[in-house]
Amino acid sequence: MLDHFGFVVRDIAAARRFYEAALGALGLVVIEDHKTAFIMARSPTERIPFVFIGQGRPSFWAPMSEPGVSPAHYAFAAKDRAMVDAFHAAGLAAGGRDNGAPGPRRGGYSAFLLDADNNNIEANFRT
């Protein structure tokens, strides 16, 4: 259903450490790398849907857009419970903050992490 989504961050290096670890545990990889942004997807050949993560505000976003002003919630699908657990552990080790340890929740098994800009990142395995 989604083609892509993106968000801005204050510190691209910290964001890269966190997202490469946490989303890497879910099977996503960096497919484009720029000085102030990077893009993650399933693989260089399976590029859609993708996630844009960048420092600064893209020209086509609203002028008041800033990181952390209105944190967002992003949920990523996991293949199994072990993938949810790996996402949570990798994200914590890379500087994320716990916002809900892995466990059963309505409709599945999920875990939540906060990135450096307070975006709530979730991995969910639907049971």
C-alpha atoms as a PDB file:
ATOM      1  CA  MET A   1       0.000   0.000   0.000  1.00  0.00           C
ATOM      2  CA  LEU A   2       2.770   2.478   0.860  1.00  0.00           C
ATOM      3  CA  ASP A   3       5.290   3.653  -1.693  1.00  0.00           C
ATOM      4  CA  HIS A   4       7.529   5.489   0.776  1.00  0.00           C
ATOM      5  CA  PHE A   5       7.612   7.682   3.850  1.00  0.00           C
ATOM      6  CA  GLY A   6      10.223   9.818   5.515  1.00  0.00           C
ATOM      7  CA  PHE A   7      11.068  11.999   8.445  1.00  0.00           C
ATOM      8  CA  VAL A   8      13.681  14.465   9.564  1.00  0.00           C
ATOM      9  CA  VAL A   9      16.161  13.943  12.390  1.00  0.00           C
ATOM     10  CA  ARG A  10      18.528  16.251  14.239  1.00  0.00           C
ATOM     11  CA  ASP A  11      21.641  14.047  14.158  1.00  0.00           C
ATOM     12  CA  ILE A  12      22.109  11.992  11.002  1.00  0.00           C
ATOM     13  CA  ALA A  13      24.990   9.931  12.443  1.00  0.00           C
ATOM     14  CA  ALA A  14      22.976   8.908  15.526  1.00  0.00           C
ATOM     15  CA  ALA A  15      19.937   8.196  13.365  1.00  0.00           C
ATOM     16  CA  ARG A  16      22.028   6.074  11.020  1.00  0.00           C
ATOM     17  CA  ARG A  17      23.409   3.978  13.927  1.00  0.00           C
ATOM     18  CA  PHE A  18      19.939   3.447  15.363  1.00  0.00           C
ATOM     19  CA  TYR A  19      18.009   2.756  12.163  1.00  0.00           C
ATOM     20  CA  GLU A  20      20.656   0.597  10.538  1.00  0.00           C
ATOM     21  CA  ALA A  21      20.660  -1.597  13.664  1.00  0.00           C
ATOM     22  CA  ALA A  22      16.937  -1.656  14.462  1.00  0.00           C
ATOM     23  CA  LEU A  23      15.586  -1.844  10.912  1.00  0.00           C
ATOM     24  CA  GLY A  24      18.484  -4.045   9.861  1.00  0.00           C
ATOM     25  CA  ALA A  25      17.157  -6.620  12.336  1.00  0.00           C
ATOM     26  CA  LEU A  26      13.901  -6.502  10.338  1.00  0.00           C
ATOM     27  CA  GLY A  27      15.696  -7.114   7.044  1.00  0.00           C
ATOM     28  CA  LEU A  28      15.979  -3.547   5.735  1.00  0.00           C
ATOM     29  CA  VAL A  29      19.245  -2.218   4.309  1.00  0.00           C
ATOM     30  CA  VAL A  30      20.591   1.168   3.278  1.00  0.00           C
ATOM     31  CA  ILE A  31      20.062   1.466  -0.476  1.00  0.00           C
ATOM     32  CA  GLU A  32      21.128   5.112  -0.844  1.00  0.00           C
ATOM     33  CA  ASP A  33      23.547   7.071   1.276  1.00  0.00           C
ATOM     34  CA  HIS A  34      23.943  10.835   1.146  1.00  0.00           C
ATOM     35  CA  LYS A  35      25.753  13.331   3.374  1.00  0.00           C
ATOM     36  CA  THR A  36      22.593  14.405   5.210  1.00  0.00           C
ATOM     37  CA  ALA A  37      20.189  11.552   4.449  1.00  0.00           C
ATOM     38  CA  PHE A  38      19.872   7.870   3.741  1.00  0.00           C
ATOM     39  CA  ILE A  39      17.195   5.578   2.341  1.00  0.00           C
ATOM     40  CA  MET A  40      16.377   2.090   3.565  1.00  0.00           C
ATOM     41  CA  ALA A  41      14.414  -0.659   1.800  1.00  0.00           C
ATOM     42  CA  ARG A  42      14.293  -4.441   1.547  1.00  0.00           C
ATOM     43  CA  SER A  43      17.199  -4.538  -0.925  1.00  0.00           C
ATOM     44  CA  PRO A  44      18.840  -2.560  -3.737  1.00  0.00           C
ATOM     45  CA  THR A  45      16.584  -4.425  -6.180  1.00  0.00           C
ATOM     46  CA  GLU A  46      13.412  -4.310  -4.040  1.00  0.00           C
ATOM     47  CA  ARG A  47      13.387  -0.549  -3.458  1.00  0.00           C
ATOM     48  CA  ILE A  48       9.657   0.002  -2.828  1.00  0.00           C
ATOM     49  CA  PRO A  49       8.454   0.694  -0.226  1.00  0.00           C
ATOM     50  CA  PHE A  50      11.330   2.746   1.142  1.00  0.00           C
ATOM     51  CA  VAL A  51      12.056   4.913   4.183  1.00  0.00           C
ATOM     52  CA  PHE A  52      13.781   8.297   3.806  1.00  0.00           C
ATOM     53  CA  ILE A  53      15.607   9.517   6.924  1.00  0.00           C
ATOM     54  CA  GLY A  54      17.294  12.879   6.671  1.00  0.00           C
ATOM     55  CA  GLN A  55      18.681  15.846   8.520  1.00  0.00           C
ATOM     56  CA  GLY A  56      17.102  19.147   7.573  1.00  0.00           C
ATOM     57  CA  ARG A  57      13.791  19.701   5.851  1.00  0.00           C
ATOM     58  CA  PRO A  58      13.108  18.520   2.310  1.00  0.00           C
ATOM     59  CA  SER A  59      12.002  21.413   0.087  1.00  0.00           C
ATOM     60  CA  PHE A  60       8.523  19.977  -0.465  1.00  0.00           C
ATOM     61  CA  TRP A  61       7.670  19.697   3.279  1.00  0.00           C
ATOM     62  CA  ALA A  62       5.762  22.323   5.237  1.00  0.00           C
ATOM     63  CA  PRO A  63       7.963  25.200   6.504  1.00  0.00           C
ATOM     64  CA  MET A  64       7.226  24.420  10.163  1.00  0.00           C
ATOM     65  CA  SER A  65       8.422  20.793   9.887  1.00  0.00           C
ATOM     66  CA  GLU A  66      11.117  20.094  12.455  1.00  0.00           C
ATOM     67  CA  PRO A  67      12.403  16.915  14.080  1.00  0.00           C
ATOM     68  CA  GLY A  68      10.820  16.031  17.392  1.00  0.00           C
ATOM     69  CA  VAL A  69       8.137  18.772  17.275  1.00  0.00           C
ATOM     70  CA  SER A  70       5.421  16.255  16.531  1.00  0.00           C
ATOM     71  CA  PRO A  71       6.966  12.815  16.921  1.00  0.00           C
ATOM     72  CA  ALA A  72       5.502  10.125  14.721  1.00  0.00           C
ATOM     73  CA  HIS A  73       4.734   6.442  15.101  1.00  0.00           C
ATOM     74  CA  TYR A  74       6.054   4.005  12.493  1.00  0.00           C
ATOM     75  CA  ALA A  75       5.298   0.283  12.638  1.00  0.00           C
ATOM     76  CA  PHE A  76       7.311  -2.254  10.670  1.00  0.00           C
ATOM     77  CA  ALA A  77       6.216  -5.820   9.982  1.00  0.00           C
ATOM     78  CA  ALA A  78       8.306  -8.622  11.452  1.00  0.00           C
ATOM     79  CA  LYS A  79       8.322 -12.208  10.156  1.00  0.00           C
ATOM     80  CA  ASP A  80       8.262 -13.766  13.621  1.00  0.00           C
ATOM     81  CA  ARG A  81       8.703 -13.099  17.350  1.00  0.00           C
ATOM     82  CA  ALA A  82      12.463 -13.599  17.146  1.00  0.00           C
ATOM     83  CA  MET A  83      12.678 -10.744  14.632  1.00  0.00           C
ATOM     84  CA  VAL A  84      10.761  -8.470  17.033  1.00  0.00           C
ATOM     85  CA  ASP A  85      13.149  -9.426  19.838  1.00  0.00           C
ATOM     86  CA  ALA A  86      16.188  -8.783  17.597  1.00  0.00           C
ATOM     87  CA  PHE A  87      14.793  -5.371  16.548  1.00  0.00           C
ATOM     88  CA  HIS A  88      14.371  -4.326  20.181  1.00  0.00           C
ATOM     89  CA  ALA A  89      17.807  -5.554  21.298  1.00  0.00           C
ATOM     90  CA  ALA A  90      19.626  -4.039  18.300  1.00  0.00           C
ATOM     91  CA  GLY A  91      17.823  -0.720  18.658  1.00  0.00           C
ATOM     92  CA  LEU A  92      18.653  -0.466  22.364  1.00  0.00           C
ATOM     93  CA  ALA A  93      22.295  -1.301  21.696  1.00  0.00           C
ATOM     94  CA  ALA A  94      22.408   1.443  19.034  1.00  0.00           C
ATOM     95  CA  GLY A  95      21.088   4.212  21.284  1.00  0.00           C
ATOM     96  CA  GLY A  96      17.326   3.764  21.136  1.00  0.00           C
ATOM     97  CA  ARG A  97      15.200   3.996  24.276  1.00  0.00           C
ATOM     98  CA  ASP A  98      12.736   1.347  25.377  1.00  0.00           C
ATOM     99  CA  ASN A  99       9.106   2.325  24.883  1.00  0.00           C
ATOM    100  CA  GLY A 100       7.630  -1.145  25.302  1.00  0.00           C
ATOM    101  CA  ALA A 101       9.543  -4.390  25.663  1.00  0.00           C
ATOM    102  CA  PRO A 102       8.779  -7.266  23.302  1.00  0.00           C
ATOM    103  CA  GLY A 103       5.594  -9.038  24.241  1.00  0.00           C
ATOM    104  CA  PRO A 104       2.069  -9.996  23.276  1.00  0.00           C
ATOM    105  CA  ARG A 105      -0.222  -7.108  22.440  1.00  0.00           C
ATOM    106  CA  ARG A 106      -3.601  -6.805  20.825  1.00  0.00           C
ATOM    107  CA  GLY A 107      -3.327  -8.394  17.411  1.00  0.00           C
ATOM    108  CA  GLY A 108       0.215  -9.626  17.703  1.00  0.00           C
ATOM    109  CA  TYR A 109       3.617  -9.583  19.324  1.00  0.00           C
ATOM    110  CA  SER A 110       5.440  -6.273  19.247  1.00  0.00           C
ATOM    111  CA  ALA A 111       8.118  -4.017  20.710  1.00  0.00           C
ATOM    112  CA  PHE A 112       8.553  -0.244  20.745  1.00  0.00           C
ATOM    113  CA  LEU A 113      11.632   1.992  20.699  1.00  0.00           C
ATOM    114  CA  LEU A 114      12.084   5.753  20.766  1.00  0.00           C
ATOM    115  CA  ASP A 115      14.730   7.234  18.488  1.00  0.00           C
ATOM    116  CA  ALA A 116      16.769  10.319  19.424  1.00  0.00           C
ATOM    117  CA  ASP A 117      13.947  12.583  18.184  1.00  0.00           C
ATOM    118  CA  ASN A 118      11.240  10.712  20.145  1.00  0.00           C
ATOM    119  CA  ASN A 119       9.742   8.981  17.116  1.00  0.00           C
ATOM    120  CA  ASN A 120       8.034   5.795  18.289  1.00  0.00           C
ATOM    121  CA  ILE A 121       9.330   2.907  16.166  1.00  0.00           C
ATOM    122  CA  GLU A 122       7.531  -0.422  16.393  1.00  0.00           C
ATOM    123  CA  ALA A 123       8.201  -3.935  15.151  1.00  0.00           C
ATOM    124  CA  ASN A 124       5.091  -6.099  15.011  1.00  0.00           C
ATOM    125  CA  PHE A 125       4.480  -9.748  14.247  1.00  0.00           C
ATOM    126  CA  ARG A 126       0.788 -10.350  13.619  1.00  0.00           C
ATOM    127  CA  THR A 127      -0.328 -13.607  15.192  1.00  0.00           C
END
